[in-house]
PDB file of N, CA and C in Angstrom:
ATOM      1  N   MET A   1      20.172  10.163 -14.390  1.00  0.00           N
ATOM      2  CA  MET A   1      19.856  10.340 -12.992  1.00  0.00           C
ATOM      3  C   MET A   1      20.760  11.413 -12.409  1.00  0.00           C
ATOM      4  N   ASN A   2      20.171  12.227 -11.580  1.00  0.00           N
ATOM      5  CA  ASN A   2      20.905  13.296 -10.909  1.00  0.00           C
ATOM      6  C   ASN A   2      21.645  12.706  -9.716  1.00  0.00           C
ATOM      7  N   PRO A   3      22.981  12.789  -9.676  1.00  0.00           N
ATOM      8  CA  PRO A   3      23.740  12.238  -8.547  1.00  0.00           C
ATOM      9  C   PRO A   3      23.317  12.813  -7.197  1.00  0.00           C
ATOM     10  N   ALA A   4      22.770  14.014  -7.185  1.00  0.00           N
ATOM     11  CA  ALA A   4      22.321  14.615  -5.930  1.00  0.00           C
ATOM     12  C   ALA A   4      21.136  13.850  -5.339  1.00  0.00           C
ATOM     13  N   ASN A   5      20.429  13.081  -6.173  1.00  0.00           N
ATOM     14  CA  ASN A   5      19.275  12.308  -5.711  1.00  0.00           C
ATOM     15  C   ASN A   5      19.634  10.886  -5.301  1.00  0.00           C
ATOM     16  N   THR A   6      20.903  10.528  -5.397  1.00  0.00           N
ATOM     17  CA  THR A   6      21.347   9.180  -5.050  1.00  0.00           C
ATOM     18  C   THR A   6      21.236   8.964  -3.544  1.00  0.00           C
ATOM     19  N   ILE A   7      20.702   7.798  -3.161  1.00  0.00           N
ATOM     20  CA  ILE A   7      20.616   7.463  -1.742  1.00  0.00           C
ATOM     21  C   ILE A   7      21.615   6.363  -1.437  1.00  0.00           C
ATOM     22  N   THR A   8      21.913   6.193  -0.176  1.00  0.00           N
ATOM     23  CA  THR A   8      22.820   5.135   0.237  1.00  0.00           C
ATOM     24  C   THR A   8      22.013   3.869   0.522  1.00  0.00           C
ATOM     25  N   TRP A   9      22.710   2.752   0.666  1.00  0.00           N
ATOM     26  CA  TRP A   9      22.046   1.497   1.032  1.00  0.00           C
ATOM     27  C   TRP A   9      21.361   1.653   2.392  1.00  0.00           C
ATOM     28  N   ALA A  10      22.007   2.366   3.301  1.00  0.00           N
ATOM     29  CA  ALA A  10      21.414   2.595   4.626  1.00  0.00           C
ATOM     30  C   ALA A  10      20.108   3.380   4.505  1.00  0.00           C
ATOM     31  N   ASP A  11      20.047   4.355   3.582  1.00  0.00           N
ATOM     32  CA  ASP A  11      18.803   5.100   3.351  1.00  0.00           C
ATOM     33  C   ASP A  11      17.695   4.147   2.904  1.00  0.00           C
ATOM     34  N   PHE A  12      18.007   3.275   1.949  1.00  0.00           N
ATOM     35  CA  PHE A  12      17.024   2.323   1.430  1.00  0.00           C
ATOM     36  C   PHE A  12      16.538   1.385   2.529  1.00  0.00           C
ATOM     37  N   GLU A  13      17.453   0.921   3.368  1.00  0.00           N
ATOM     38  CA  GLU A  13      17.075  -0.006   4.436  1.00  0.00           C
ATOM     39  C   GLU A  13      16.137   0.621   5.459  1.00  0.00           C
ATOM     40  N   ARG A  14      16.118   1.921   5.553  1.00  0.00           N
ATOM     41  CA  ARG A  14      15.218   2.598   6.499  1.00  0.00           C
ATOM     42  C   ARG A  14      13.763   2.509   6.052  1.00  0.00           C
ATOM     43  N   VAL A  15      13.521   2.309   4.750  1.00  0.00           N
ATOM     44  CA  VAL A  15      12.154   2.170   4.246  1.00  0.00           C
ATOM     45  C   VAL A  15      11.744   0.710   4.435  1.00  0.00           C
ATOM     46  N   ASP A  16      10.764   0.492   5.286  1.00  0.00           N
ATOM     47  CA  ASP A  16      10.315  -0.870   5.608  1.00  0.00           C
ATOM     48  C   ASP A  16       9.143  -1.238   4.695  1.00  0.00           C
ATOM     49  N   LEU A  17       9.456  -1.952   3.620  1.00  0.00           N
ATOM     50  CA  LEU A  17       8.463  -2.392   2.633  1.00  0.00           C
ATOM     51  C   LEU A  17       8.100  -3.845   2.916  1.00  0.00           C
ATOM     52  N   ARG A  18       6.822  -4.101   3.173  1.00  0.00           N
ATOM     53  CA  ARG A  18       6.362  -5.443   3.523  1.00  0.00           C
ATOM     54  C   ARG A  18       5.205  -5.869   2.640  1.00  0.00           C
ATOM     55  N   VAL A  19       5.088  -7.170   2.473  1.00  0.00           N
ATOM     56  CA  VAL A  19       3.989  -7.762   1.712  1.00  0.00           C
ATOM     57  C   VAL A  19       2.831  -8.046   2.645  1.00  0.00           C
ATOM     58  N   GLY A  20       1.640  -7.731   2.186  1.00  0.00           N
ATOM     59  CA  GLY A  20       0.438  -8.035   2.945  1.00  0.00           C
ATOM     60  C   GLY A  20      -0.679  -8.459   2.015  1.00  0.00           C
ATOM     61  N   THR A  21      -1.697  -9.075   2.585  1.00  0.00           N
ATOM     62  CA  THR A  21      -2.867  -9.505   1.822  1.00  0.00           C
ATOM     63  C   THR A  21      -4.069  -8.679   2.243  1.00  0.00           C
ATOM     64  N   ILE A  22      -4.796  -8.168   1.273  1.00  0.00           N
ATOM     65  CA  ILE A  22      -5.985  -7.373   1.556  1.00  0.00           C
ATOM     66  C   ILE A  22      -7.091  -8.299   2.067  1.00  0.00           C
ATOM     67  N   LEU A  23      -7.562  -8.017   3.284  1.00  0.00           N
ATOM     68  CA  LEU A  23      -8.636  -8.798   3.904  1.00  0.00           C
ATOM     69  C   LEU A  23     -10.004  -8.190   3.638  1.00  0.00           C
ATOM     70  N   GLU A  24     -10.068  -6.866   3.629  1.00  0.00           N
ATOM     71  CA  GLU A  24     -11.321  -6.145   3.403  1.00  0.00           C
ATOM     72  C   GLU A  24     -11.050  -4.924   2.552  1.00  0.00           C
ATOM     73  N   ALA A  25     -12.029  -4.568   1.725  1.00  0.00           N
ATOM     74  CA  ALA A  25     -11.977  -3.336   0.942  1.00  0.00           C
ATOM     75  C   ALA A  25     -13.360  -2.702   1.012  1.00  0.00           C
ATOM     76  N   ARG A  26     -13.385  -1.397   1.309  1.00  0.00           N
ATOM     77  CA  ARG A  26     -14.649  -0.672   1.461  1.00  0.00           C
ATOM     78  C   ARG A  26     -14.593   0.642   0.698  1.00  0.00           C
ATOM     79  N   GLU A  27     -15.765   1.114   0.312  1.00  0.00           N
ATOM     80  CA  GLU A  27     -15.873   2.446  -0.283  1.00  0.00           C
ATOM     81  C   GLU A  27     -15.422   3.476   0.754  1.00  0.00           C
ATOM     82  N   PHE A  28     -14.939   4.619   0.282  1.00  0.00           N
ATOM     83  CA  PHE A  28     -14.518   5.698   1.169  1.00  0.00           C
ATOM     84  C   PHE A  28     -15.153   7.000   0.670  1.00  0.00           C
ATOM     85  N   PRO A  29     -16.455   7.158   0.891  1.00  0.00           N
ATOM     86  CA  PRO A  29     -17.163   8.321   0.335  1.00  0.00           C
ATOM     87  C   PRO A  29     -16.701   9.659   0.897  1.00  0.00           C
ATOM     88  N   GLU A  30     -16.086   9.682   2.079  1.00  0.00           N
ATOM     89  CA  GLU A  30     -15.627  10.939   2.679  1.00  0.00           C
ATOM     90  C   GLU A  30     -14.321  11.452   2.066  1.00  0.00           C
ATOM     91  N   ALA A  31     -13.625  10.617   1.305  1.00  0.00           N
ATOM     92  CA  ALA A  31     -12.352  11.033   0.703  1.00  0.00           C
ATOM     93  C   ALA A  31     -12.591  12.116  -0.352  1.00  0.00           C
ATOM     94  N   ARG A  32     -11.652  13.061  -0.459  1.00  0.00           N
ATOM     95  CA  ARG A  32     -11.778  14.125  -1.467  1.00  0.00           C
ATOM     96  C   ARG A  32     -11.656  13.573  -2.882  1.00  0.00           C
ATOM     97  N   LYS A  33     -10.744  12.629  -3.077  1.00  0.00           N
ATOM     98  CA  LYS A  33     -10.586  11.956  -4.371  1.00  0.00           C
ATOM     99  C   LYS A  33     -11.084  10.523  -4.194  1.00  0.00           C
ATOM    100  N   PRO A  34     -11.631   9.905  -5.246  1.00  0.00           N
ATOM    101  CA  PRO A  34     -12.147   8.529  -5.107  1.00  0.00           C
ATOM    102  C   PRO A  34     -11.083   7.585  -4.543  1.00  0.00           C
ATOM    103  N   ALA A  35     -11.460   6.851  -3.497  1.00  0.00           N
ATOM    104  CA  ALA A  35     -10.512   5.972  -2.810  1.00  0.00           C
ATOM    105  C   ALA A  35     -11.264   4.830  -2.141  1.00  0.00           C
ATOM    106  N   TYR A  36     -10.500   3.822  -1.752  1.00  0.00           N
ATOM    107  CA  TYR A  36     -11.017   2.704  -0.969  1.00  0.00           C
ATOM    108  C   TYR A  36     -10.312   2.689   0.382  1.00  0.00           C
ATOM    109  N   GLN A  37     -10.994   2.143   1.380  1.00  0.00           N
ATOM    110  CA  GLN A  37     -10.387   1.828   2.666  1.00  0.00           C
ATOM    111  C   GLN A  37     -10.029   0.353   2.639  1.00  0.00           C
ATOM    112  N   LEU A  38      -8.786   0.029   2.973  1.00  0.00           N
ATOM    113  CA  LEU A  38      -8.310  -1.348   2.937  1.00  0.00           C
ATOM    114  C   LEU A  38      -7.886  -1.810   4.332  1.00  0.00           C
ATOM    115  N   LEU A  39      -8.157  -3.073   4.636  1.00  0.00           N
ATOM    116  CA  LEU A  39      -7.622  -3.729   5.824  1.00  0.00           C
ATOM    117  C   LEU A  39      -6.655  -4.787   5.312  1.00  0.00           C
ATOM    118  N   ILE A  40      -5.398  -4.710   5.741  1.00  0.00           N
ATOM    119  CA  ILE A  40      -4.325  -5.534   5.171  1.00  0.00           C
ATOM    120  C   ILE A  40      -3.662  -6.359   6.261  1.00  0.00           C
ATOM    121  N   ASP A  41      -3.522  -7.671   6.016  1.00  0.00           N
ATOM    122  CA  ASP A  41      -2.807  -8.577   6.923  1.00  0.00           C
ATOM    123  C   ASP A  41      -1.331  -8.544   6.557  1.00  0.00           C
ATOM    124  N   LEU A  42      -0.519  -7.997   7.457  1.00  0.00           N
ATOM    125  CA  LEU A  42       0.918  -7.880   7.224  1.00  0.00           C
ATOM    126  C   LEU A  42       1.725  -8.876   8.041  1.00  0.00           C
ATOM    127  N   GLY A  43       1.099  -9.986   8.416  1.00  0.00           N
ATOM    128  CA  GLY A  43       1.810 -11.058   9.107  1.00  0.00           C
ATOM    129  C   GLY A  43       1.833 -10.872  10.614  1.00  0.00           C
ATOM    130  N   PRO A  44       2.343 -11.880  11.326  1.00  0.00           N
ATOM    131  CA  PRO A  44       2.283 -11.878  12.792  1.00  0.00           C
ATOM    132  C   PRO A  44       3.115 -10.788  13.464  1.00  0.00           C
ATOM    133  N   GLU A  45       4.200 -10.358  12.863  1.00  0.00           N
ATOM    134  CA  GLU A  45       5.047  -9.332  13.479  1.00  0.00           C
ATOM    135  C   GLU A  45       4.374  -7.954  13.476  1.00  0.00           C
ATOM    136  N   ILE A  46       3.680  -7.626  12.394  1.00  0.00           N
ATOM    137  CA  ILE A  46       3.084  -6.298  12.224  1.00  0.00           C
ATOM    138  C   ILE A  46       1.576  -6.312  12.483  1.00  0.00           C
ATOM    139  N   GLY A  47       0.925  -7.394  12.109  1.00  0.00           N
ATOM    140  CA  GLY A  47      -0.515  -7.507  12.321  1.00  0.00           C
ATOM    141  C   GLY A  47      -1.315  -6.910  11.178  1.00  0.00           C
ATOM    142  N   THR A  48      -2.575  -6.575  11.457  1.00  0.00           N
ATOM    143  CA  THR A  48      -3.428  -5.976  10.435  1.00  0.00           C
ATOM    144  C   THR A  48      -3.350  -4.455  10.547  1.00  0.00           C
ATOM    145  N   LYS A  49      -3.320  -3.823   9.383  1.00  0.00           N
ATOM    146  CA  LYS A  49      -3.236  -2.357   9.317  1.00  0.00           C
ATOM    147  C   LYS A  49      -4.229  -1.854   8.281  1.00  0.00           C
ATOM    148  N   ARG A  50      -4.589  -0.587   8.430  1.00  0.00           N
ATOM    149  CA  ARG A  50      -5.532   0.055   7.516  1.00  0.00           C
ATOM    150  C   ARG A  50      -4.801   1.017   6.591  1.00  0.00           C
ATOM    151  N   SER A  51      -5.359   1.147   5.383  1.00  0.00           N
ATOM    152  CA  SER A  51      -4.803   2.085   4.420  1.00  0.00           C
ATOM    153  C   SER A  51      -5.918   2.649   3.555  1.00  0.00           C
ATOM    154  N   SER A  52      -5.741   3.885   3.131  1.00  0.00           N
ATOM    155  CA  SER A  52      -6.610   4.495   2.137  1.00  0.00           C
ATOM    156  C   SER A  52      -5.832   4.504   0.832  1.00  0.00           C
ATOM    157  N   ALA A  53      -6.484   4.069  -0.251  1.00  0.00           N
ATOM    158  CA  ALA A  53      -5.775   3.981  -1.531  1.00  0.00           C
ATOM    159  C   ALA A  53      -6.652   4.505  -2.665  1.00  0.00           C
ATOM    160  N   GLN A  54      -6.083   5.385  -3.474  1.00  0.00           N
ATOM    161  CA  GLN A  54      -6.793   5.947  -4.630  1.00  0.00           C
ATOM    162  C   GLN A  54      -6.582   5.030  -5.834  1.00  0.00           C
ATOM    163  N   ILE A  55      -7.269   3.897  -5.805  1.00  0.00           N
ATOM    164  CA  ILE A  55      -7.066   2.855  -6.821  1.00  0.00           C
ATOM    165  C   ILE A  55      -8.391   2.440  -7.461  1.00  0.00           C
ATOM    166  N   THR A  56      -9.362   3.337  -7.471  1.00  0.00           N
ATOM    167  CA  THR A  56     -10.716   2.981  -7.912  1.00  0.00           C
ATOM    168  C   THR A  56     -10.850   2.804  -9.426  1.00  0.00           C
ATOM    169  N   LYS A  57      -9.930   3.311 -10.205  1.00  0.00           N
ATOM    170  CA  LYS A  57     -10.045   3.203 -11.670  1.00  0.00           C
ATOM    171  C   LYS A  57      -9.743   1.799 -12.189  1.00  0.00           C
ATOM    172  N   HIS A  58      -8.804   1.102 -11.547  1.00  0.00           N
ATOM    173  CA  HIS A  58      -8.388  -0.215 -12.045  1.00  0.00           C
ATOM    174  C   HIS A  58      -8.906  -1.388 -11.216  1.00  0.00           C
ATOM    175  N   TYR A  59      -9.485  -1.112 -10.042  1.00  0.00           N
ATOM    176  CA  TYR A  59      -9.845  -2.198  -9.130  1.00  0.00           C
ATOM    177  C   TYR A  59     -11.255  -2.020  -8.591  1.00  0.00           C
ATOM    178  N   THR A  60     -11.937  -3.149  -8.404  1.00  0.00           N
ATOM    179  CA  THR A  60     -13.228  -3.153  -7.728  1.00  0.00           C
ATOM    180  C   THR A  60     -13.000  -3.667  -6.312  1.00  0.00           C
ATOM    181  N   LEU A  61     -13.970  -3.441  -5.450  1.00  0.00           N
ATOM    182  CA  LEU A  61     -13.857  -3.943  -4.083  1.00  0.00           C
ATOM    183  C   LEU A  61     -13.667  -5.455  -4.086  1.00  0.00           C
ATOM    184  N   GLU A  62     -14.397  -6.133  -4.970  1.00  0.00           N
ATOM    185  CA  GLU A  62     -14.362  -7.592  -5.013  1.00  0.00           C
ATOM    186  C   GLU A  62     -13.013  -8.142  -5.475  1.00  0.00           C
ATOM    187  N   ASN A  63     -12.373  -7.488  -6.441  1.00  0.00           N
ATOM    188  CA  ASN A  63     -11.107  -8.067  -6.928  1.00  0.00           C
ATOM    189  C   ASN A  63      -9.895  -7.622  -6.113  1.00  0.00           C
ATOM    190  N   LEU A  64     -10.109  -6.836  -5.072  1.00  0.00           N
ATOM    191  CA  LEU A  64      -9.005  -6.473  -4.187  1.00  0.00           C
ATOM    192  C   LEU A  64      -8.807  -7.483  -3.063  1.00  0.00           C
ATOM    193  N   VAL A  65      -9.890  -8.033  -2.541  1.00  0.00           N
ATOM    194  CA  VAL A  65      -9.802  -8.965  -1.414  1.00  0.00           C
ATOM    195  C   VAL A  65      -9.017 -10.200  -1.851  1.00  0.00           C
ATOM    196  N   GLY A  66      -7.994 -10.536  -1.062  1.00  0.00           N
ATOM    197  CA  GLY A  66      -7.132 -11.674  -1.368  1.00  0.00           C
ATOM    198  C   GLY A  66      -5.886 -11.312  -2.152  1.00  0.00           C
ATOM    199  N   ARG A  67      -5.806 -10.095  -2.655  1.00  0.00           N
ATOM    200  CA  ARG A  67      -4.651  -9.654  -3.446  1.00  0.00           C
ATOM    201  C   ARG A  67      -3.503  -9.280  -2.519  1.00  0.00           C
ATOM    202  N   GLN A  68      -2.289  -9.700  -2.880  1.00  0.00           N
ATOM    203  CA  GLN A  68      -1.113  -9.291  -2.117  1.00  0.00           C
ATOM    204  C   GLN A  68      -0.626  -7.941  -2.642  1.00  0.00           C
ATOM    205  N   VAL A  69      -0.230  -7.087  -1.689  1.00  0.00           N
ATOM    206  CA  VAL A  69       0.243  -5.748  -2.010  1.00  0.00           C
ATOM    207  C   VAL A  69       1.546  -5.484  -1.263  1.00  0.00           C
ATOM    208  N   LEU A  70       2.266  -4.503  -1.734  1.00  0.00           N
ATOM    209  CA  LEU A  70       3.533  -4.099  -1.121  1.00  0.00           C
ATOM    210  C   LEU A  70       3.308  -2.771  -0.411  1.00  0.00           C
ATOM    211  N   CYS A  71       3.584  -2.732   0.894  1.00  0.00           N
ATOM    212  CA  CYS A  71       3.264  -1.568   1.724  1.00  0.00           C
ATOM    213  C   CYS A  71       4.483  -1.006   2.426  1.00  0.00           C
ATOM    214  N   VAL A  72       4.531   0.318   2.534  1.00  0.00           N
ATOM    215  CA  VAL A  72       5.499   0.977   3.412  1.00  0.00           C
ATOM    216  C   VAL A  72       4.852   0.998   4.791  1.00  0.00           C
ATOM    217  N   VAL A  73       5.489   0.341   5.755  1.00  0.00           N
ATOM    218  CA  VAL A  73       4.878   0.198   7.081  1.00  0.00           C
ATOM    219  C   VAL A  73       5.471   1.125   8.134  1.00  0.00           C
ATOM    220  N   ASN A  74       6.502   1.900   7.778  1.00  0.00           N
ATOM    221  CA  ASN A  74       7.106   2.758   8.793  1.00  0.00           C
ATOM    222  C   ASN A  74       6.942   4.248   8.506  1.00  0.00           C
ATOM    223  N   PHE A  75       5.874   4.606   7.792  1.00  0.00           N
ATOM    224  CA  PHE A  75       5.470   6.006   7.692  1.00  0.00           C
ATOM    225  C   PHE A  75       4.622   6.347   8.908  1.00  0.00           C
ATOM    226  N   PRO A  76       4.541   7.622   9.277  1.00  0.00           N
ATOM    227  CA  PRO A  76       3.616   7.982  10.350  1.00  0.00           C
ATOM    228  C   PRO A  76       2.169   7.791   9.891  1.00  0.00           C
ATOM    229  N   VAL A  77       1.278   7.591  10.850  1.00  0.00           N
ATOM    230  CA  VAL A  77      -0.148   7.473  10.555  1.00  0.00           C
ATOM    231  C   VAL A  77      -0.614   8.779   9.924  1.00  0.00           C
ATOM    232  N   LYS A  78      -1.495   8.667   8.910  1.00  0.00           N
ATOM    233  CA  LYS A  78      -2.033   9.854   8.246  1.00  0.00           C
ATOM    234  C   LYS A  78      -3.540   9.874   8.441  1.00  0.00           C
ATOM    235  N   GLN A  79      -4.040  10.968   8.983  1.00  0.00           N
ATOM    236  CA  GLN A  79      -5.474  11.129   9.178  1.00  0.00           C
ATOM    237  C   GLN A  79      -6.074  11.641   7.877  1.00  0.00           C
ATOM    238  N   ILE A  80      -7.011  10.883   7.316  1.00  0.00           N
ATOM    239  CA  ILE A  80      -7.687  11.271   6.081  1.00  0.00           C
ATOM    240  C   ILE A  80      -9.172  11.348   6.411  1.00  0.00           C
ATOM    241  N   GLY A  81      -9.640  12.551   6.699  1.00  0.00           N
ATOM    242  CA  GLY A  81     -11.019  12.717   7.168  1.00  0.00           C
ATOM    243  C   GLY A  81     -11.197  11.916   8.450  1.00  0.00           C
ATOM    244  N   PRO A  82     -12.215  11.044   8.480  1.00  0.00           N
ATOM    245  CA  PRO A  82     -12.464  10.258   9.691  1.00  0.00           C
ATOM    246  C   PRO A  82     -11.610   8.989   9.785  1.00  0.00           C
ATOM    247  N   PHE A  83     -10.737   8.765   8.814  1.00  0.00           N
ATOM    248  CA  PHE A  83     -10.012   7.501   8.678  1.00  0.00           C
ATOM    249  C   PHE A  83      -8.530   7.684   8.982  1.00  0.00           C
ATOM    250  N   ARG A  84      -7.957   6.730   9.730  1.00  0.00           N
ATOM    251  CA  ARG A  84      -6.511   6.729  10.021  1.00  0.00           C
ATOM    252  C   ARG A  84      -5.828   5.713   9.110  1.00  0.00           C
ATOM    253  N   SER A  85      -5.024   6.214   8.170  1.00  0.00           N
ATOM    254  CA  SER A  85      -4.284   5.356   7.260  1.00  0.00           C
ATOM    255  C   SER A  85      -2.941   5.030   7.903  1.00  0.00           C
ATOM    256  N   GLU A  86      -2.690   3.734   8.151  1.00  0.00           N
ATOM    257  CA  GLU A  86      -1.518   3.309   8.923  1.00  0.00           C
ATOM    258  C   GLU A  86      -0.342   2.870   8.071  1.00  0.00           C
ATOM    259  N   VAL A  87      -0.589   2.495   6.819  1.00  0.00           N
ATOM    260  CA  VAL A  87       0.475   2.074   5.909  1.00  0.00           C
ATOM    261  C   VAL A  87       0.211   2.668   4.532  1.00  0.00           C
ATOM    262  N   LEU A  88       1.250   2.743   3.717  1.00  0.00           N
ATOM    263  CA  LEU A  88       1.125   3.225   2.343  1.00  0.00           C
ATOM    264  C   LEU A  88       1.194   2.027   1.404  1.00  0.00           C
ATOM    265  N   VAL A  89       0.137   1.821   0.637  1.00  0.00           N
ATOM    266  CA  VAL A  89       0.120   0.772  -0.376  1.00  0.00           C
ATOM    267  C   VAL A  89       0.803   1.347  -1.616  1.00  0.00           C
ATOM    268  N   THR A  90       1.759   0.618  -2.179  1.00  0.00           N
ATOM    269  CA  THR A  90       2.556   1.156  -3.283  1.00  0.00           C
ATOM    270  C   THR A  90       1.976   0.796  -4.645  1.00  0.00           C
ATOM    271  N   GLY A  91       2.290   1.639  -5.598  1.00  0.00           N
ATOM    272  CA  GLY A  91       1.865   1.436  -6.979  1.00  0.00           C
ATOM    273  C   GLY A  91       2.527   2.478  -7.847  1.00  0.00           C
ATOM    274  N   ALA A  92       2.157   2.481  -9.112  1.00  0.00           N
ATOM    275  CA  ALA A  92       2.683   3.452 -10.067  1.00  0.00           C
ATOM    276  C   ALA A  92       1.537   3.945 -10.930  1.00  0.00           C
ATOM    277  N   ALA A  93       1.683   5.165 -11.430  1.00  0.00           N
ATOM    278  CA  ALA A  93       0.644   5.748 -12.267  1.00  0.00           C
ATOM    279  C   ALA A  93       0.745   5.222 -13.695  1.00  0.00           C
ATOM    280  N   ASP A  94      -0.419   4.919 -14.285  1.00  0.00           N
ATOM    281  CA  ASP A  94      -0.445   4.535 -15.696  1.00  0.00           C
ATOM    282  C   ASP A  94      -0.339   5.806 -16.547  1.00  0.00           C
ATOM    283  N   ALA A  95      -0.488   5.678 -17.853  1.00  0.00           N
ATOM    284  CA  ALA A  95      -0.337   6.815 -18.762  1.00  0.00           C
ATOM    285  C   ALA A  95      -1.348   7.929 -18.484  1.00  0.00           C
ATOM    286  N   GLU A  96      -2.466   7.594 -17.849  1.00  0.00           N
ATOM    287  CA  GLU A  96      -3.498   8.593 -17.556  1.00  0.00           C
ATOM    288  C   GLU A  96      -3.472   9.058 -16.102  1.00  0.00           C
ATOM    289  N   GLY A  97      -2.467   8.595 -15.338  1.00  0.00           N
ATOM    290  CA  GLY A  97      -2.323   9.029 -13.965  1.00  0.00           C
ATOM    291  C   GLY A  97      -3.082   8.198 -12.944  1.00  0.00           C
ATOM    292  N   HIS A  98      -3.706   7.095 -13.371  1.00  0.00           N
ATOM    293  CA  HIS A  98      -4.430   6.215 -12.457  1.00  0.00           C
ATOM    294  C   HIS A  98      -3.469   5.180 -11.879  1.00  0.00           C
ATOM    295  N   ILE A  99      -3.604   4.903 -10.579  1.00  0.00           N
ATOM    296  CA  ILE A  99      -2.646   4.044  -9.885  1.00  0.00           C
ATOM    297  C   ILE A  99      -2.891   2.565 -10.187  1.00  0.00           C
ATOM    298  N   VAL A 100      -1.794   1.877 -10.514  1.00  0.00           N
ATOM    299  CA  VAL A 100      -1.752   0.424 -10.679  1.00  0.00           C
ATOM    300  C   VAL A 100      -0.907  -0.104  -9.522  1.00  0.00           C
ATOM    301  N   LEU A 101      -1.443  -1.042  -8.774  1.00  0.00           N
ATOM    302  CA  LEU A 101      -0.739  -1.564  -7.605  1.00  0.00           C
ATOM    303  C   LEU A 101       0.553  -2.270  -7.981  1.00  0.00           C
ATOM    304  N   ALA A 102       1.578  -2.089  -7.147  1.00  0.00           N
ATOM    305  CA  ALA A 102       2.813  -2.856  -7.288  1.00  0.00           C
ATOM    306  C   ALA A 102       2.475  -4.318  -6.973  1.00  0.00           C
ATOM    307  N   ALA A 103       3.026  -5.237  -7.737  1.00  0.00           N
ATOM    308  CA  ALA A 103       2.688  -6.648  -7.558  1.00  0.00           C
ATOM    309  C   ALA A 103       3.952  -7.501  -7.545  1.00  0.00           C
ATOM    310  N   LEU A 104       3.837  -8.647  -6.891  1.00  0.00           N
ATOM    311  CA  LEU A 104       4.925  -9.621  -6.853  1.00  0.00           C
ATOM    312  C   LEU A 104       4.672 -10.680  -7.916  1.00  0.00           C
ATOM    313  N   ALA A 105       5.717 -11.345  -8.356  1.00  0.00           N
ATOM    314  CA  ALA A 105       5.581 -12.370  -9.391  1.00  0.00           C
ATOM    315  C   ALA A 105       4.894 -13.634  -8.881  1.00  0.00           C
ATOM    316  N   GLY A 106       4.897 -13.817  -7.559  1.00  0.00           N
ATOM    317  CA  GLY A 106       4.261 -14.994  -6.979  1.00  0.00           C
ATOM    318  C   GLY A 106       3.960 -14.738  -5.514  1.00  0.00           C
ATOM    319  N   PRO A 107       3.174 -15.623  -4.895  1.00  0.00           N
ATOM    320  CA  PRO A 107       2.810 -15.417  -3.490  1.00  0.00           C
ATOM    321  C   PRO A 107       3.995 -15.607  -2.550  1.00  0.00           C
ATOM    322  N   VAL A 108       4.020 -14.797  -1.501  1.00  0.00           N
ATOM    323  CA  VAL A 108       5.015 -14.908  -0.432  1.00  0.00           C
ATOM    324  C   VAL A 108       4.278 -14.746   0.894  1.00  0.00           C
ATOM    325  N   PRO A 109       4.888 -15.165   2.015  1.00  0.00           N
ATOM    326  CA  PRO A 109       4.214 -15.020   3.309  1.00  0.00           C
ATOM    327  C   PRO A 109       3.946 -13.557   3.648  1.00  0.00           C
ATOM    328  N   ASN A 110       2.787 -13.295   4.245  1.00  0.00           N
ATOM    329  CA  ASN A 110       2.496 -11.951   4.721  1.00  0.00           C
ATOM    330  C   ASN A 110       3.563 -11.510   5.712  1.00  0.00           C
ATOM    331  N   GLY A 111       3.970 -10.262   5.581  1.00  0.00           N
ATOM    332  CA  GLY A 111       5.013  -9.715   6.448  1.00  0.00           C
ATOM    333  C   GLY A 111       6.403  -9.819   5.847  1.00  0.00           C
ATOM    334  N   SER A 112       6.538 -10.523   4.713  1.00  0.00           N
ATOM    335  CA  SER A 112       7.860 -10.618   4.072  1.00  0.00           C
ATOM    336  C   SER A 112       8.349  -9.224   3.714  1.00  0.00           C
ATOM    337  N   ARG A 113       9.637  -8.987   3.970  1.00  0.00           N
ATOM    338  CA  ARG A 113      10.228  -7.677   3.697  1.00  0.00           C
ATOM    339  C   ARG A 113      10.876  -7.666   2.319  1.00  0.00           C
ATOM    340  N   LEU A 114      10.691  -6.566   1.596  1.00  0.00           N
ATOM    341  CA  LEU A 114      11.358  -6.372   0.316  1.00  0.00           C
ATOM    342  C   LEU A 114      12.833  -6.162   0.605  1.00  0.00           C
ATOM    343  N   VAL A 115      13.692  -6.962  -0.026  1.00  0.00           N
ATOM    344  CA  VAL A 115      15.128  -6.863   0.200  1.00  0.00           C
ATOM    345  C   VAL A 115      15.862  -6.662  -1.110  1.00  0.00           C
TER     346      VAL A 115
END
């Protein structure tokens, strides 16, 4: 690891990562790359938020609903065509570059913060 890329604990704490449950998943035909539109319940403090996610290779609309995801909730809103993406759903690329969602080992309350 390059020491120049090291962040402080205070830097990490500025990233607000929260758990939410996907309530709805829809096709997003206007997106330049294949993507879904997601509606995510992030608990009573944050509420429901929308996100666009390029996760079509590993997930169907049906198997996304009810899944818990880890989201960055303090990024600015991003306009993607006609859609306003309010949170970033996290994941990592597989060997072929397709996104696999970050997952928790077990269920936790919506809105729980990654610590």
